[in-house]
Amino acid sequence: MKITLLIMMDLLKFRVPAISGIVVLTLFLNSCGNVFVENRHTGAALGTTYSILFYDTEELNLEKEIDSVFAAMNHSMSTYIPDSDISKINRGDSTVVVDEMFQDVFQLSKEINARTEGYFDPTVGVLVNSWGFGPGQQIELDSARVDSLLNFVGFGKVRLNEDNTISKMNAGIIFDFNAIAKGYAVDRLGALLDAKGIENYLIEVGGELVAKGTNKIKNKDFVVGIDDPQANDRSTPIAKIKLTNKGLASSGNYRHFREDALTGVKYVHTVDPITGYTKNSNVLGVTILGPTCAEADAYATAFMAMDLEKSTSLIIDREGFEALILYIDGKGEVKQFVTKGFEKLYVK
């Protein structure tokens, strides 16, 4: 559940057609007299869309390399692909030797699970499926059933072994890395561009972003707009910020929900791994800036389930992280919690 981000490079609009492998090349002469080639790749992957913009002094077509990153991500962590590593592990195959990507995400998830006191938990898959938000079968839930399902939830019940296989205390535990995978994919794409010696880029996958360097058209920082949860017009951001050398991710439950056809009761997409129930809270949306997009992605998800006081306290104490949290106060009015570092990045 990601807030749509309106990406703006000064006055240049960056739209995302659902067609894979498009490469757009444009030459620019910047104010320093250097000639840069603007390269763009856009398309569909990981069940969403992606946009990659980078500047270099020569034309580069990285379509094959980009596709290989997404293919590796799918093979490793897609719960929608039956023969992926994660799908095999979820079915109880303990012989799967996971790749470097899975190892990275597992270890990072373990760290953030501990820091958020269990509110970020990729073993929540059985609950996601049962509430009707995943690839598995939706079931009728009552308090007894939820308590039973919680036996299959908890990152302390899984282990990454020395031989890179995965052990589960309970065979019914289901991994779901969707709350961190897109952010991690953004980081891997950034690593791809870094390895090519590219120093100026903006990468977006499903609303998660990372930026490095500057927009070489104007010699300015990249500027991104953050969606207003109360506005019907998504082209009007609630804020615009400069983004450079940081990952950015957002999460929200104000547009994505499942409604019971009989009762009309709305269930939000955020599942609380502590209680086992979908979370109805006063938090509308969370945007996190972090050293990596994967970390920002995970914390944004966790903060949707955490109480506002806990999340604000945690982010203030985390060096290198900034946040914008939109919430409804006791009077029903939309308020903002903004860290000082985040506020300094605002563009008027």
Foldseek 3Di string as FASTA:
>chain_A
DFFAWFFDFDPDGDDADAAFQDWDWDWAQFPVRQIKIWIWTWHDAPNFIKIKIFIDSDDDRCRVVLVVLRVLLCLDAPCVDCNRLQNCQQQPDQPDQGDPLNVVLLVVQVVVCVLLVNLQWQLLVVLLQCCPNDPHHHDDDDQVRLVVCLVLTDSVQKDQDPSRTIDGVDSNGHGHSPLQSQLVSQVVVVVVCVVVVTFFMWIDDPRKIATGQDDRNHNHFTKMFTADLVDPDRVDGPFIFGHHQKIKTKDFFSPDWDADPPPRDTATSQAGSVSSGGDDFQWGMKMKIANTSSVRSSLRSSCVNDHPVSSVVSQVPDPRMWMWIWGADPVRDIDIDGDPVRVVGTDD
